[in-house]
């Protein structure tokens, strides 16, 4: 399972352009949350290879403001997998575009459930992963 978690860590980078800024001339929080949800969804889907749905978010923390001319990196990693829910931890780091300054600016947890073809919740199918682990 640890190998699967490692292989499905997802990273995405974005540049802070003027169209992503709020009235305070910093990254709009809703835009940052959207980026985190995208990375969380990709992480969950890569991990399960099933149709996934964001059930809820927990503990969204805005640790620092994000200035223009920044590059942000969003990193998603599965923290816990059970038969019903998948817990994905997200971290966002910002770095100044023109220096080596880098710091954590956001963190959160996203909870996902698997869906069937009719968009109804189903159990996460780990049976094929068990075969994968047996072959390794």
C-alpha atoms as a PDB file:
ATOM      1  CA  UNK A   1       0.000   0.000   0.000  1.00  0.00           C
ATOM      2  CA  UNK A   2       2.849   2.404   0.814  1.00  0.00           C
ATOM      3  CA  UNK A   3       4.275   1.933  -2.673  1.00  0.00           C
ATOM      4  CA  UNK A   4       0.893   2.755  -4.234  1.00  0.00           C
ATOM      5  CA  UNK A   5       0.635   5.892  -2.076  1.00  0.00           C
ATOM      6  CA  UNK A   6       4.128   6.928  -3.144  1.00  0.00           C
ATOM      7  CA  UNK A   7       3.390   6.342  -6.835  1.00  0.00           C
ATOM      8  CA  UNK A   8       0.173   8.374  -6.751  1.00  0.00           C
ATOM      9  CA  UNK A   9       1.503  11.531  -5.089  1.00  0.00           C
ATOM     10  CA  UNK A  10       0.354  14.340  -7.380  1.00  0.00           C
ATOM     11  CA  UNK A  11       2.050  17.707  -7.901  1.00  0.00           C
ATOM     12  CA  UNK A  12       0.827  20.680  -9.903  1.00  0.00           C
ATOM     13  CA  UNK A  13       2.397  24.114 -10.359  1.00  0.00           C
ATOM     14  CA  UNK A  14       0.644  27.403 -11.131  1.00  0.00           C
ATOM     15  CA  UNK A  15       1.794  30.984 -11.636  1.00  0.00           C
ATOM     16  CA  UNK A  16      -0.016  33.792  -9.839  1.00  0.00           C
ATOM     17  CA  UNK A  17      -1.255  36.050 -12.620  1.00  0.00           C
ATOM     18  CA  UNK A  18      -3.341  39.251 -12.208  1.00  0.00           C
ATOM     19  CA  UNK A  19      -6.596  37.421 -13.063  1.00  0.00           C
ATOM     20  CA  UNK A  20      -6.184  35.221  -9.933  1.00  0.00           C
ATOM     21  CA  UNK A  21      -5.822  38.118  -7.469  1.00  0.00           C
ATOM     22  CA  UNK A  22      -8.393  39.470  -5.025  1.00  0.00           C
ATOM     23  CA  UNK A  23      -9.012  43.085  -3.929  1.00  0.00           C
ATOM     24  CA  UNK A  24      -6.004  42.855  -1.571  1.00  0.00           C
ATOM     25  CA  UNK A  25      -3.673  42.032  -4.473  1.00  0.00           C
ATOM     26  CA  UNK A  26      -3.058  38.479  -3.191  1.00  0.00           C
ATOM     27  CA  UNK A  27      -4.207  35.115  -4.515  1.00  0.00           C
ATOM     28  CA  UNK A  28      -7.983  34.727  -4.251  1.00  0.00           C
ATOM     29  CA  UNK A  29      -8.687  31.989  -1.676  1.00  0.00           C
ATOM     30  CA  UNK A  30     -11.404  30.403  -3.800  1.00  0.00           C
ATOM     31  CA  UNK A  31      -8.941  29.954  -6.647  1.00  0.00           C
ATOM     32  CA  UNK A  32      -6.455  28.287  -4.289  1.00  0.00           C
ATOM     33  CA  UNK A  33      -9.174  25.946  -2.992  1.00  0.00           C
ATOM     34  CA  UNK A  34     -10.142  25.058  -6.572  1.00  0.00           C
ATOM     35  CA  UNK A  35      -6.545  24.125  -7.349  1.00  0.00           C
ATOM     36  CA  UNK A  36      -6.360  21.998  -4.208  1.00  0.00           C
ATOM     37  CA  UNK A  37      -9.589  20.195  -5.113  1.00  0.00           C
ATOM     38  CA  UNK A  38      -8.250  19.457  -8.608  1.00  0.00           C
ATOM     39  CA  UNK A  39      -5.048  17.942  -7.235  1.00  0.00           C
ATOM     40  CA  UNK A  40      -6.951  16.010  -4.561  1.00  0.00           C
ATOM     41  CA  UNK A  41      -9.302  14.596  -7.205  1.00  0.00           C
ATOM     42  CA  UNK A  42      -6.428  13.547  -9.449  1.00  0.00           C
ATOM     43  CA  UNK A  43      -4.647  11.944  -6.482  1.00  0.00           C
ATOM     44  CA  UNK A  44      -7.773  10.016  -5.423  1.00  0.00           C
ATOM     45  CA  UNK A  45      -8.475   8.846  -8.963  1.00  0.00           C
ATOM     46  CA  UNK A  46      -4.880   7.760  -9.566  1.00  0.00           C
ATOM     47  CA  UNK A  47      -4.929   5.836  -6.289  1.00  0.00           C
ATOM     48  CA  UNK A  48      -8.253   4.002  -6.769  1.00  0.00           C
ATOM     49  CA  UNK A  49      -8.702   4.099 -10.573  1.00  0.00           C
ATOM     50  CA  UNK A  50     -12.386   4.550  -9.812  1.00  0.00           C
ATOM     51  CA  UNK A  51     -14.823   7.396 -10.327  1.00  0.00           C
ATOM     52  CA  UNK A  52     -14.351   9.652  -7.271  1.00  0.00           C
ATOM     53  CA  UNK A  53     -16.317  12.451  -5.623  1.00  0.00           C
ATOM     54  CA  UNK A  54     -15.237  15.099  -3.093  1.00  0.00           C
ATOM     55  CA  UNK A  55     -17.376  14.385  -0.029  1.00  0.00           C
ATOM     56  CA  UNK A  56     -15.953  17.115   2.202  1.00  0.00           C
ATOM     57  CA  UNK A  57     -12.938  19.156   3.133  1.00  0.00           C
ATOM     58  CA  UNK A  58     -11.428  19.434   6.582  1.00  0.00           C
ATOM     59  CA  UNK A  59      -9.143  21.937   8.226  1.00  0.00           C
ATOM     60  CA  UNK A  60      -8.460  24.281   5.327  1.00  0.00           C
ATOM     61  CA  UNK A  61      -5.713  26.516   6.659  1.00  0.00           C
ATOM     62  CA  UNK A  62      -4.554  29.673   4.921  1.00  0.00           C
ATOM     63  CA  UNK A  63      -1.113  30.009   6.512  1.00  0.00           C
ATOM     64  CA  UNK A  64       0.319  32.901   4.453  1.00  0.00           C
ATOM     65  CA  UNK A  65      -0.885  35.252   1.745  1.00  0.00           C
ATOM     66  CA  UNK A  66       0.346  34.582  -1.776  1.00  0.00           C
ATOM     67  CA  UNK A  67       1.709  37.536  -3.694  1.00  0.00           C
ATOM     68  CA  UNK A  68       1.746  38.224  -7.424  1.00  0.00           C
ATOM     69  CA  UNK A  69       4.837  36.931  -9.236  1.00  0.00           C
ATOM     70  CA  UNK A  70       4.734  33.733  -7.215  1.00  0.00           C
ATOM     71  CA  UNK A  71       4.808  30.148  -8.363  1.00  0.00           C
ATOM     72  CA  UNK A  72       2.710  27.796  -6.268  1.00  0.00           C
ATOM     73  CA  UNK A  73       3.012  24.037  -6.060  1.00  0.00           C
ATOM     74  CA  UNK A  74       0.085  21.952  -4.840  1.00  0.00           C
ATOM     75  CA  UNK A  75       0.955  18.469  -3.578  1.00  0.00           C
ATOM     76  CA  UNK A  76      -1.621  15.750  -2.886  1.00  0.00           C
ATOM     77  CA  UNK A  77      -0.950  12.484  -1.062  1.00  0.00           C
ATOM     78  CA  UNK A  78      -3.256   9.739   0.156  1.00  0.00           C
ATOM     79  CA  UNK A  79      -3.084   9.653   3.931  1.00  0.00           C
ATOM     80  CA  UNK A  80      -5.655   6.967   4.707  1.00  0.00           C
ATOM     81  CA  UNK A  81      -7.651   4.500   2.646  1.00  0.00           C
ATOM     82  CA  UNK A  82     -10.595   2.570   4.034  1.00  0.00           C
ATOM     83  CA  UNK A  83     -13.430   0.678   2.306  1.00  0.00           C
ATOM     84  CA  UNK A  84     -15.714   3.704   2.116  1.00  0.00           C
ATOM     85  CA  UNK A  85     -13.579   6.860   2.169  1.00  0.00           C
ATOM     86  CA  UNK A  86     -10.227   8.052   0.967  1.00  0.00           C
ATOM     87  CA  UNK A  87      -8.407  10.789   2.873  1.00  0.00           C
ATOM     88  CA  UNK A  88      -6.107  12.999   0.760  1.00  0.00           C
ATOM     89  CA  UNK A  89      -3.755  15.532   2.383  1.00  0.00           C
ATOM     90  CA  UNK A  90      -2.988  18.687   0.408  1.00  0.00           C
ATOM     91  CA  UNK A  91      -0.165  21.157   0.869  1.00  0.00           C
ATOM     92  CA  UNK A  92       0.474  24.300  -1.113  1.00  0.00           C
ATOM     93  CA  UNK A  93       3.875  25.961  -1.279  1.00  0.00           C
ATOM     94  CA  UNK A  94       4.664  29.367  -2.754  1.00  0.00           C
ATOM     95  CA  UNK A  95       7.968  30.567  -4.070  1.00  0.00           C
ATOM     96  CA  UNK A  96       8.941  33.965  -5.320  1.00  0.00           C
ATOM     97  CA  UNK A  97       9.373  33.801  -9.076  1.00  0.00           C
ATOM     98  CA  UNK A  98      12.699  35.627  -8.927  1.00  0.00           C
ATOM     99  CA  UNK A  99      14.344  34.163  -5.809  1.00  0.00           C
ATOM    100  CA  UNK A 100      14.748  30.854  -3.961  1.00  0.00           C
ATOM    101  CA  UNK A 101      12.244  31.773  -1.232  1.00  0.00           C
ATOM    102  CA  UNK A 102       9.744  28.939  -0.643  1.00  0.00           C
ATOM    103  CA  UNK A 103       7.221  28.426   2.157  1.00  0.00           C
ATOM    104  CA  UNK A 104       4.093  26.451   2.956  1.00  0.00           C
ATOM    105  CA  UNK A 105       1.069  28.710   2.440  1.00  0.00           C
ATOM    106  CA  UNK A 106      -1.950  26.366   2.692  1.00  0.00           C
ATOM    107  CA  UNK A 107      -2.891  22.923   3.892  1.00  0.00           C
ATOM    108  CA  UNK A 108      -6.057  20.879   3.957  1.00  0.00           C
ATOM    109  CA  UNK A 109      -7.583  17.418   3.919  1.00  0.00           C
ATOM    110  CA  UNK A 110     -10.088  16.288   1.288  1.00  0.00           C
ATOM    111  CA  UNK A 111     -12.320  13.247   1.820  1.00  0.00           C
ATOM    112  CA  UNK A 112     -13.426  11.265  -1.249  1.00  0.00           C
ATOM    113  CA  UNK A 113     -15.889   8.470  -1.932  1.00  0.00           C
ATOM    114  CA  UNK A 114     -16.104   6.222  -4.980  1.00  0.00           C
ATOM    115  CA  UNK A 115     -19.115   6.358  -7.292  1.00  0.00           C
ATOM    116  CA  UNK A 116     -20.662   3.791  -9.584  1.00  0.00           C
ATOM    117  CA  UNK A 117     -21.844   4.455 -13.150  1.00  0.00           C
ATOM    118  CA  UNK A 118     -25.090   5.931 -11.772  1.00  0.00           C
ATOM    119  CA  UNK A 119     -23.171   8.344  -9.512  1.00  0.00           C
ATOM    120  CA  UNK A 120     -24.167   6.442  -6.372  1.00  0.00           C
ATOM    121  CA  UNK A 121     -21.592   5.826  -3.609  1.00  0.00           C
ATOM    122  CA  UNK A 122     -19.915   2.411  -3.652  1.00  0.00           C
ATOM    123  CA  UNK A 123     -17.164   0.713  -1.717  1.00  0.00           C
ATOM    124  CA  UNK A 124     -13.640   1.333  -2.897  1.00  0.00           C
ATOM    125  CA  UNK A 125     -12.376  -1.762  -4.708  1.00  0.00           C
ATOM    126  CA  UNK A 126      -8.982  -2.639  -3.239  1.00  0.00           C
ATOM    127  CA  UNK A 127      -9.070  -6.274  -4.433  1.00  0.00           C
ATOM    128  CA  UNK A 128      -7.042  -5.573  -7.584  1.00  0.00           C
ATOM    129  CA  UNK A 129      -4.418  -3.793  -5.478  1.00  0.00           C
ATOM    130  CA  UNK A 130      -4.086  -6.895  -3.316  1.00  0.00           C
ATOM    131  CA  UNK A 131      -3.254  -8.857  -6.485  1.00  0.00           C
ATOM    132  CA  UNK A 132      -0.821  -6.103  -7.487  1.00  0.00           C
ATOM    133  CA  UNK A 133       0.929  -6.363  -4.109  1.00  0.00           C
ATOM    134  CA  UNK A 134       1.034 -10.160  -4.320  1.00  0.00           C
ATOM    135  CA  UNK A 135       2.787  -9.930  -7.694  1.00  0.00           C
ATOM    136  CA  UNK A 136       5.395  -7.460  -6.440  1.00  0.00           C
END
